[in-house]
Amino acid sequence: MKGFPDLPPIWLVLFLVLNWALARVVPGFQTGPVTGALSWGLIAIGLGLIGWAAFWFWRRKTTIEPHHDPQALIIEGPFRISRNPIYLGMIVILLGSVIGRGQPLGLGLVALFIYVLTARFAKPEEARLRAAFGVEAKNYIASTKRWL
């Protein structure tokens, strides 16, 4: 759809809705307090990771929007661990939702979501980083994992 905002949070919502629909249509396992705690714990970790990474975008005064050219190469905070901590946080949120719904087939949605984030956002962003920051970006990309 032309004009549709191609943003990772919109993709996350789409996959959360797909997970919800899958769990309603295909019987899964019974969830309980342990799966509930694990689910909410993962969601909280994912939100925390997103917030921590967003803080660094604000601190370094560079765009957080994935299709824009960066003004700074962020290698501090969560970016020391992962080149894509916001996307990693979204993956953790989806995983928490899959566990909370009790539908093992939802793990396939997690894998598909990782593919979408990599193809639509992570790889193009890495190319923009290389174009903007040259050797510094190349060294960062070589030394820091995309996810973990």
N, C-alpha and C. Protein backbone atom coordinates (compact mmCIF):
# COMPACT_ATOMS: atom_id res chain seq x y z
N MET A 1 0.83 -1.18 0.00
CA MET A 1 0.00 0.00 0.00
C MET A 1 0.88 1.24 0.00
N LYS A 2 0.68 2.07 -1.00
CA LYS A 2 1.45 3.31 -1.10
C LYS A 2 1.04 4.24 0.03
N GLY A 3 2.03 4.83 0.66
CA GLY A 3 1.77 5.76 1.75
C GLY A 3 1.62 5.10 3.11
N PHE A 4 1.65 3.76 3.15
CA PHE A 4 1.54 3.05 4.42
C PHE A 4 2.86 3.20 5.16
N PRO A 5 2.84 3.62 6.42
CA PRO A 5 4.11 3.81 7.13
C PRO A 5 4.81 2.48 7.41
N ASP A 6 5.93 2.29 6.77
CA ASP A 6 6.72 1.06 6.90
C ASP A 6 7.66 1.22 8.09
N LEU A 7 7.11 0.97 9.28
CA LEU A 7 7.86 1.16 10.51
C LEU A 7 7.84 -0.11 11.35
N PRO A 8 8.94 -0.42 12.03
CA PRO A 8 9.00 -1.64 12.83
C PRO A 8 7.88 -1.79 13.87
N PRO A 9 7.45 -0.73 14.58
CA PRO A 9 6.36 -0.94 15.55
C PRO A 9 5.05 -1.40 14.89
N ILE A 10 4.82 -0.95 13.67
CA ILE A 10 3.61 -1.39 12.95
C ILE A 10 3.73 -2.87 12.61
N TRP A 11 4.92 -3.30 12.20
CA TRP A 11 5.14 -4.72 11.94
C TRP A 11 4.97 -5.53 13.22
N LEU A 12 5.46 -5.00 14.33
CA LEU A 12 5.29 -5.70 15.61
C LEU A 12 3.81 -5.88 15.94
N VAL A 13 3.03 -4.84 15.79
CA VAL A 13 1.59 -4.94 16.07
C VAL A 13 0.96 -5.98 15.15
N LEU A 14 1.33 -5.98 13.87
CA LEU A 14 0.80 -6.97 12.93
C LEU A 14 1.11 -8.39 13.40
N PHE A 15 2.35 -8.64 13.82
CA PHE A 15 2.73 -9.98 14.28
C PHE A 15 2.07 -10.32 15.61
N LEU A 16 1.85 -9.34 16.48
CA LEU A 16 1.12 -9.60 17.73
C LEU A 16 -0.32 -10.01 17.43
N VAL A 17 -0.94 -9.35 16.46
CA VAL A 17 -2.30 -9.70 16.06
C VAL A 17 -2.32 -11.10 15.44
N LEU A 18 -1.34 -11.41 14.60
CA LEU A 18 -1.26 -12.75 14.01
C LEU A 18 -1.09 -13.81 15.10
N ASN A 19 -0.28 -13.52 16.10
CA ASN A 19 -0.09 -14.45 17.21
C ASN A 19 -1.40 -14.66 17.96
N TRP A 20 -2.11 -13.58 18.23
CA TRP A 20 -3.40 -13.66 18.91
C TRP A 20 -4.37 -14.52 18.09
N ALA A 21 -4.45 -14.27 16.78
CA ALA A 21 -5.36 -15.01 15.91
C ALA A 21 -4.98 -16.49 15.85
N LEU A 22 -3.70 -16.77 15.74
CA LEU A 22 -3.23 -18.16 15.70
C LEU A 22 -3.62 -18.90 16.98
N ALA A 23 -3.44 -18.25 18.11
CA ALA A 23 -3.77 -18.88 19.39
C ALA A 23 -5.26 -19.11 19.54
N ARG A 24 -6.08 -18.30 18.89
CA ARG A 24 -7.53 -18.49 18.96
C ARG A 24 -8.01 -19.61 18.04
N VAL A 25 -7.30 -19.81 16.94
CA VAL A 25 -7.73 -20.78 15.93
C VAL A 25 -7.14 -22.17 16.19
N VAL A 26 -5.88 -22.25 16.58
CA VAL A 26 -5.20 -23.52 16.77
C VAL A 26 -4.98 -23.74 18.26
N PRO A 27 -5.48 -24.86 18.79
CA PRO A 27 -5.28 -25.11 20.22
C PRO A 27 -3.80 -25.23 20.57
N GLY A 28 -3.44 -24.65 21.69
CA GLY A 28 -2.06 -24.72 22.17
C GLY A 28 -2.04 -25.40 23.52
N PHE A 29 -1.07 -25.07 24.34
CA PHE A 29 -1.00 -25.65 25.67
C PHE A 29 -1.61 -24.71 26.70
N GLN A 30 -2.01 -25.28 27.81
CA GLN A 30 -2.60 -24.50 28.89
C GLN A 30 -1.52 -23.64 29.54
N THR A 31 -1.79 -22.35 29.67
CA THR A 31 -0.84 -21.48 30.34
C THR A 31 -1.21 -21.35 31.81
N GLY A 32 -0.23 -21.00 32.61
CA GLY A 32 -0.45 -20.86 34.04
C GLY A 32 0.39 -19.74 34.60
N PRO A 33 0.58 -19.71 35.90
CA PRO A 33 1.32 -18.62 36.51
C PRO A 33 2.78 -18.53 36.05
N VAL A 34 3.41 -19.66 35.81
CA VAL A 34 4.81 -19.64 35.38
C VAL A 34 4.93 -19.06 33.97
N THR A 35 4.11 -19.55 33.06
CA THR A 35 4.17 -19.01 31.69
C THR A 35 3.73 -17.55 31.67
N GLY A 36 2.76 -17.22 32.51
CA GLY A 36 2.33 -15.83 32.59
C GLY A 36 3.44 -14.92 33.09
N ALA A 37 4.14 -15.35 34.12
CA ALA A 37 5.25 -14.55 34.65
C ALA A 37 6.37 -14.44 33.63
N LEU A 38 6.67 -15.54 32.95
CA LEU A 38 7.71 -15.52 31.92
C LEU A 38 7.31 -14.59 30.79
N SER A 39 6.06 -14.69 30.37
CA SER A 39 5.55 -13.85 29.29
C SER A 39 5.68 -12.37 29.64
N TRP A 40 5.15 -11.97 30.78
CA TRP A 40 5.19 -10.57 31.19
C TRP A 40 6.61 -10.12 31.47
N GLY A 41 7.44 -11.01 31.98
CA GLY A 41 8.84 -10.67 32.21
C GLY A 41 9.57 -10.35 30.91
N LEU A 42 9.34 -11.18 29.90
CA LEU A 42 9.96 -10.94 28.60
C LEU A 42 9.45 -9.65 27.97
N ILE A 43 8.16 -9.40 28.09
CA ILE A 43 7.60 -8.15 27.55
C ILE A 43 8.24 -6.95 28.25
N ALA A 44 8.39 -7.03 29.57
CA ALA A 44 9.01 -5.94 30.32
C ALA A 44 10.47 -5.75 29.90
N ILE A 45 11.20 -6.84 29.72
CA ILE A 45 12.60 -6.75 29.27
C ILE A 45 12.66 -6.10 27.89
N GLY A 46 11.78 -6.52 27.00
CA GLY A 46 11.75 -5.94 25.66
C GLY A 46 11.47 -4.44 25.68
N LEU A 47 10.49 -4.03 26.49
CA LEU A 47 10.18 -2.61 26.60
C LEU A 47 11.35 -1.84 27.21
N GLY A 48 11.98 -2.42 28.21
CA GLY A 48 13.14 -1.77 28.82
C GLY A 48 14.28 -1.59 27.84
N LEU A 49 14.53 -2.62 27.04
CA LEU A 49 15.59 -2.54 26.04
C LEU A 49 15.29 -1.46 25.01
N ILE A 50 14.04 -1.38 24.58
CA ILE A 50 13.64 -0.35 23.62
C ILE A 50 13.84 1.04 24.23
N GLY A 51 13.41 1.21 25.48
CA GLY A 51 13.56 2.51 26.14
C GLY A 51 15.02 2.91 26.30
N TRP A 52 15.87 1.94 26.69
CA TRP A 52 17.29 2.19 26.88
C TRP A 52 17.92 2.63 25.55
N ALA A 53 17.60 1.93 24.47
CA ALA A 53 18.15 2.28 23.16
C ALA A 53 17.62 3.63 22.68
N ALA A 54 16.34 3.88 22.89
CA ALA A 54 15.74 5.16 22.47
C ALA A 54 16.42 6.33 23.19
N PHE A 55 16.76 6.13 24.46
CA PHE A 55 17.48 7.16 25.21
C PHE A 55 18.77 7.53 24.50
N TRP A 56 19.49 6.55 23.96
CA TRP A 56 20.76 6.83 23.29
C TRP A 56 20.55 7.58 21.98
N PHE A 57 19.46 7.30 21.29
CA PHE A 57 19.15 8.09 20.09
C PHE A 57 18.94 9.55 20.47
N TRP A 58 18.19 9.77 21.55
CA TRP A 58 17.93 11.12 22.02
C TRP A 58 19.24 11.78 22.47
N ARG A 59 20.03 11.06 23.22
CA ARG A 59 21.27 11.61 23.76
C ARG A 59 22.25 11.99 22.66
N ARG A 60 22.32 11.18 21.63
CA ARG A 60 23.25 11.45 20.52
C ARG A 60 22.63 12.32 19.43
N LYS A 61 21.37 12.70 19.62
CA LYS A 61 20.65 13.60 18.71
C LYS A 61 20.67 13.11 17.25
N THR A 62 20.30 11.86 17.10
CA THR A 62 20.20 11.28 15.76
C THR A 62 18.81 10.67 15.60
N THR A 63 18.44 10.45 14.37
CA THR A 63 17.09 9.95 14.08
C THR A 63 16.91 8.51 14.55
N ILE A 64 15.73 8.25 15.07
CA ILE A 64 15.37 6.90 15.47
C ILE A 64 14.58 6.22 14.35
N GLU A 65 14.16 6.99 13.35
CA GLU A 65 13.37 6.45 12.24
C GLU A 65 14.27 5.65 11.30
N PRO A 66 13.86 4.44 10.97
CA PRO A 66 14.75 3.52 10.25
C PRO A 66 15.07 3.90 8.81
N HIS A 67 14.24 4.69 8.14
CA HIS A 67 14.50 4.98 6.73
C HIS A 67 15.20 6.32 6.53
N HIS A 68 15.68 6.93 7.59
CA HIS A 68 16.37 8.21 7.50
C HIS A 68 17.87 8.02 7.70
N ASP A 69 18.63 8.98 7.19
CA ASP A 69 20.08 8.90 7.33
C ASP A 69 20.50 9.29 8.75
N PRO A 70 21.39 8.50 9.35
CA PRO A 70 21.82 8.78 10.73
C PRO A 70 22.77 9.98 10.78
N GLN A 71 22.71 10.72 11.89
CA GLN A 71 23.64 11.82 12.11
C GLN A 71 24.76 11.43 13.06
N ALA A 72 24.62 10.29 13.73
CA ALA A 72 25.64 9.82 14.66
C ALA A 72 25.67 8.30 14.65
N LEU A 73 26.85 7.75 14.88
CA LEU A 73 27.01 6.31 15.02
C LEU A 73 26.99 6.01 16.52
N ILE A 74 25.94 5.32 16.95
CA ILE A 74 25.80 5.03 18.37
C ILE A 74 26.43 3.67 18.65
N ILE A 75 27.42 3.66 19.53
CA ILE A 75 28.08 2.41 19.90
C ILE A 75 28.11 2.23 21.42
N GLU A 76 27.40 3.10 22.13
CA GLU A 76 27.35 3.04 23.58
C GLU A 76 26.08 2.34 24.04
N GLY A 77 25.99 2.14 25.36
CA GLY A 77 24.78 1.56 25.95
C GLY A 77 24.47 0.19 25.37
N PRO A 78 23.21 -0.04 25.01
CA PRO A 78 22.83 -1.36 24.49
C PRO A 78 23.44 -1.67 23.13
N PHE A 79 23.94 -0.64 22.45
CA PHE A 79 24.55 -0.83 21.14
C PHE A 79 25.93 -1.48 21.24
N ARG A 80 26.45 -1.64 22.46
CA ARG A 80 27.69 -2.40 22.66
C ARG A 80 27.42 -3.89 22.54
N ILE A 81 26.17 -4.29 22.84
CA ILE A 81 25.77 -5.70 22.86
C ILE A 81 25.13 -6.12 21.54
N SER A 82 24.33 -5.23 20.97
CA SER A 82 23.56 -5.54 19.77
C SER A 82 23.53 -4.31 18.86
N ARG A 83 23.66 -4.53 17.55
CA ARG A 83 23.55 -3.40 16.62
C ARG A 83 22.10 -2.93 16.52
N ASN A 84 21.17 -3.76 16.93
CA ASN A 84 19.75 -3.44 16.77
C ASN A 84 18.97 -3.70 18.06
N PRO A 85 19.29 -3.00 19.15
CA PRO A 85 18.61 -3.31 20.41
C PRO A 85 17.11 -3.01 20.41
N ILE A 86 16.67 -2.04 19.63
CA ILE A 86 15.24 -1.77 19.58
C ILE A 86 14.53 -2.94 18.91
N TYR A 87 15.06 -3.41 17.80
CA TYR A 87 14.45 -4.56 17.13
C TYR A 87 14.54 -5.81 18.01
N LEU A 88 15.65 -5.96 18.69
CA LEU A 88 15.80 -7.09 19.61
C LEU A 88 14.73 -7.01 20.70
N GLY A 89 14.47 -5.82 21.22
CA GLY A 89 13.41 -5.64 22.21
C GLY A 89 12.05 -6.03 21.64
N MET A 90 11.79 -5.68 20.39
CA MET A 90 10.52 -6.06 19.76
C MET A 90 10.40 -7.57 19.60
N ILE A 91 11.51 -8.22 19.26
CA ILE A 91 11.52 -9.68 19.14
C ILE A 91 11.21 -10.31 20.50
N VAL A 92 11.81 -9.78 21.55
CA VAL A 92 11.57 -10.30 22.90
C VAL A 92 10.11 -10.10 23.30
N ILE A 93 9.53 -8.97 22.95
CA ILE A 93 8.11 -8.72 23.23
C ILE A 93 7.24 -9.75 22.51
N LEU A 94 7.51 -9.98 21.23
CA LEU A 94 6.74 -10.97 20.48
C LEU A 94 6.91 -12.36 21.09
N LEU A 95 8.13 -12.72 21.46
CA LEU A 95 8.37 -14.01 22.09
C LEU A 95 7.58 -14.13 23.40
N GLY A 96 7.57 -13.08 24.20
CA GLY A 96 6.78 -13.08 25.43
C GLY A 96 5.30 -13.27 25.15
N SER A 97 4.82 -12.64 24.10
CA SER A 97 3.42 -12.79 23.72
C SER A 97 3.11 -14.22 23.27
N VAL A 98 4.02 -14.81 22.50
CA VAL A 98 3.84 -16.21 22.05
C VAL A 98 3.78 -17.14 23.25
N ILE A 99 4.67 -16.96 24.21
CA ILE A 99 4.66 -17.80 25.41
C ILE A 99 3.37 -17.60 26.19
N GLY A 100 2.95 -16.36 26.31
CA GLY A 100 1.73 -16.05 27.05
C GLY A 100 0.47 -16.62 26.42
N ARG A 101 0.47 -16.76 25.12
CA ARG A 101 -0.70 -17.32 24.41
C ARG A 101 -0.68 -18.85 24.41
N GLY A 102 0.46 -19.44 24.71
CA GLY A 102 0.52 -20.89 24.79
C GLY A 102 0.44 -21.60 23.45
N GLN A 103 0.87 -20.94 22.40
CA GLN A 103 0.80 -21.53 21.07
C GLN A 103 2.21 -21.71 20.51
N PRO A 104 2.73 -22.95 20.54
CA PRO A 104 4.10 -23.19 20.05
C PRO A 104 4.29 -22.81 18.58
N LEU A 105 3.24 -22.88 17.78
CA LEU A 105 3.37 -22.49 16.37
C LEU A 105 3.72 -21.02 16.23
N GLY A 106 3.46 -20.25 17.27
CA GLY A 106 3.81 -18.83 17.25
C GLY A 106 5.30 -18.60 17.15
N LEU A 107 6.11 -19.60 17.51
CA LEU A 107 7.55 -19.46 17.36
C LEU A 107 7.93 -19.24 15.89
N GLY A 108 7.13 -19.79 15.00
CA GLY A 108 7.34 -19.54 13.57
C GLY A 108 7.13 -18.07 13.24
N LEU A 109 6.18 -17.43 13.92
CA LEU A 109 5.97 -16.00 13.73
C LEU A 109 7.19 -15.21 14.20
N VAL A 110 7.80 -15.65 15.29
CA VAL A 110 9.01 -14.98 15.79
C VAL A 110 10.11 -15.06 14.74
N ALA A 111 10.30 -16.24 14.18
CA ALA A 111 11.33 -16.42 13.14
C ALA A 111 11.03 -15.54 11.92
N LEU A 112 9.77 -15.50 11.51
CA LEU A 112 9.38 -14.67 10.37
C LEU A 112 9.57 -13.18 10.68
N PHE A 113 9.27 -12.78 11.91
CA PHE A 113 9.45 -11.39 12.32
C PHE A 113 10.94 -11.01 12.27
N ILE A 114 11.80 -11.90 12.71
CA ILE A 114 13.24 -11.65 12.64
C ILE A 114 13.67 -11.45 11.19
N TYR A 115 13.15 -12.29 10.31
CA TYR A 115 13.46 -12.16 8.88
C TYR A 115 13.01 -10.80 8.34
N VAL A 116 11.78 -10.40 8.66
CA VAL A 116 11.25 -9.12 8.19
C VAL A 116 12.11 -7.96 8.71
N LEU A 117 12.42 -7.98 10.00
CA LEU A 117 13.24 -6.91 10.57
C LEU A 117 14.62 -6.85 9.91
N THR A 118 15.20 -8.01 9.66
CA THR A 118 16.53 -8.06 9.04
C THR A 118 16.48 -7.52 7.61
N ALA A 119 15.55 -8.03 6.81
CA ALA A 119 15.49 -7.67 5.39
C ALA A 119 15.03 -6.23 5.16
N ARG A 120 14.00 -5.80 5.89
CA ARG A 120 13.40 -4.49 5.63
C ARG A 120 14.10 -3.35 6.35
N PHE A 121 14.76 -3.66 7.47
CA PHE A 121 15.29 -2.57 8.28
C PHE A 121 16.78 -2.71 8.61
N ALA A 122 17.19 -3.82 9.19
CA ALA A 122 18.58 -3.94 9.68
C ALA A 122 19.60 -3.84 8.55
N LYS A 123 19.44 -4.60 7.50
CA LYS A 123 20.43 -4.57 6.41
C LYS A 123 20.50 -3.21 5.73
N PRO A 124 19.35 -2.58 5.38
CA PRO A 124 19.44 -1.24 4.80
C PRO A 124 20.06 -0.21 5.76
N GLU A 125 19.78 -0.34 7.05
CA GLU A 125 20.37 0.59 8.01
C GLU A 125 21.90 0.41 8.07
N GLU A 126 22.35 -0.82 8.01
CA GLU A 126 23.78 -1.07 8.03
C GLU A 126 24.45 -0.44 6.80
N ALA A 127 23.78 -0.51 5.67
CA ALA A 127 24.33 0.13 4.46
C ALA A 127 24.40 1.64 4.64
N ARG A 128 23.37 2.24 5.24
CA ARG A 128 23.39 3.69 5.49
C ARG A 128 24.50 4.07 6.48
N LEU A 129 24.71 3.22 7.49
CA LEU A 129 25.79 3.49 8.45
C LEU A 129 27.15 3.46 7.75
N ARG A 130 27.35 2.45 6.89
CA ARG A 130 28.62 2.36 6.16
C ARG A 130 28.82 3.60 5.27
N ALA A 131 27.74 4.02 4.60
CA ALA A 131 27.83 5.18 3.71
C ALA A 131 28.13 6.45 4.49
N ALA A 132 27.55 6.58 5.66
CA ALA A 132 27.70 7.81 6.44
C ALA A 132 28.99 7.85 7.26
N PHE A 133 29.42 6.69 7.77
CA PHE A 133 30.53 6.69 8.73
C PHE A 133 31.73 5.84 8.30
N GLY A 134 31.68 5.28 7.11
CA GLY A 134 32.83 4.59 6.53
C GLY A 134 33.45 3.51 7.39
N VAL A 135 34.76 3.63 7.60
CA VAL A 135 35.53 2.61 8.30
C VAL A 135 35.05 2.44 9.74
N GLU A 136 34.67 3.52 10.38
CA GLU A 136 34.19 3.43 11.76
C GLU A 136 32.95 2.52 11.84
N ALA A 137 32.02 2.69 10.90
CA ALA A 137 30.83 1.84 10.86
C ALA A 137 31.19 0.42 10.49
N LYS A 138 32.09 0.27 9.55
CA LYS A 138 32.51 -1.08 9.13
C LYS A 138 33.11 -1.84 10.31
N ASN A 139 33.94 -1.17 11.09
CA ASN A 139 34.55 -1.80 12.27
C ASN A 139 33.50 -2.15 13.32
N TYR A 140 32.55 -1.24 13.54
CA TYR A 140 31.48 -1.50 14.51
C TYR A 140 30.64 -2.70 14.07
N ILE A 141 30.26 -2.73 12.81
CA ILE A 141 29.44 -3.83 12.28
C ILE A 141 30.20 -5.15 12.38
N ALA A 142 31.48 -5.12 12.15
CA ALA A 142 32.29 -6.34 12.23
C ALA A 142 32.47 -6.83 13.67
N SER A 143 32.44 -5.91 14.63
CA SER A 143 32.73 -6.30 16.01
C SER A 143 31.51 -6.50 16.89
N THR A 144 30.34 -6.10 16.42
CA THR A 144 29.11 -6.19 17.23
C THR A 144 28.07 -7.01 16.47
N LYS A 145 27.49 -7.99 17.14
CA LYS A 145 26.47 -8.86 16.51
C LYS A 145 25.22 -8.07 16.17
N ARG A 146 24.52 -8.52 15.14
CA ARG A 146 23.27 -7.87 14.75
C ARG A 146 22.24 -8.02 15.87
N TRP A 147 22.13 -9.20 16.43
CA TRP A 147 21.12 -9.42 17.47
C TRP A 147 21.78 -9.60 18.84
N LEU A 148 22.48 -10.68 19.05
CA LEU A 148 23.19 -10.91 20.32
C LEU A 148 24.53 -11.57 20.05
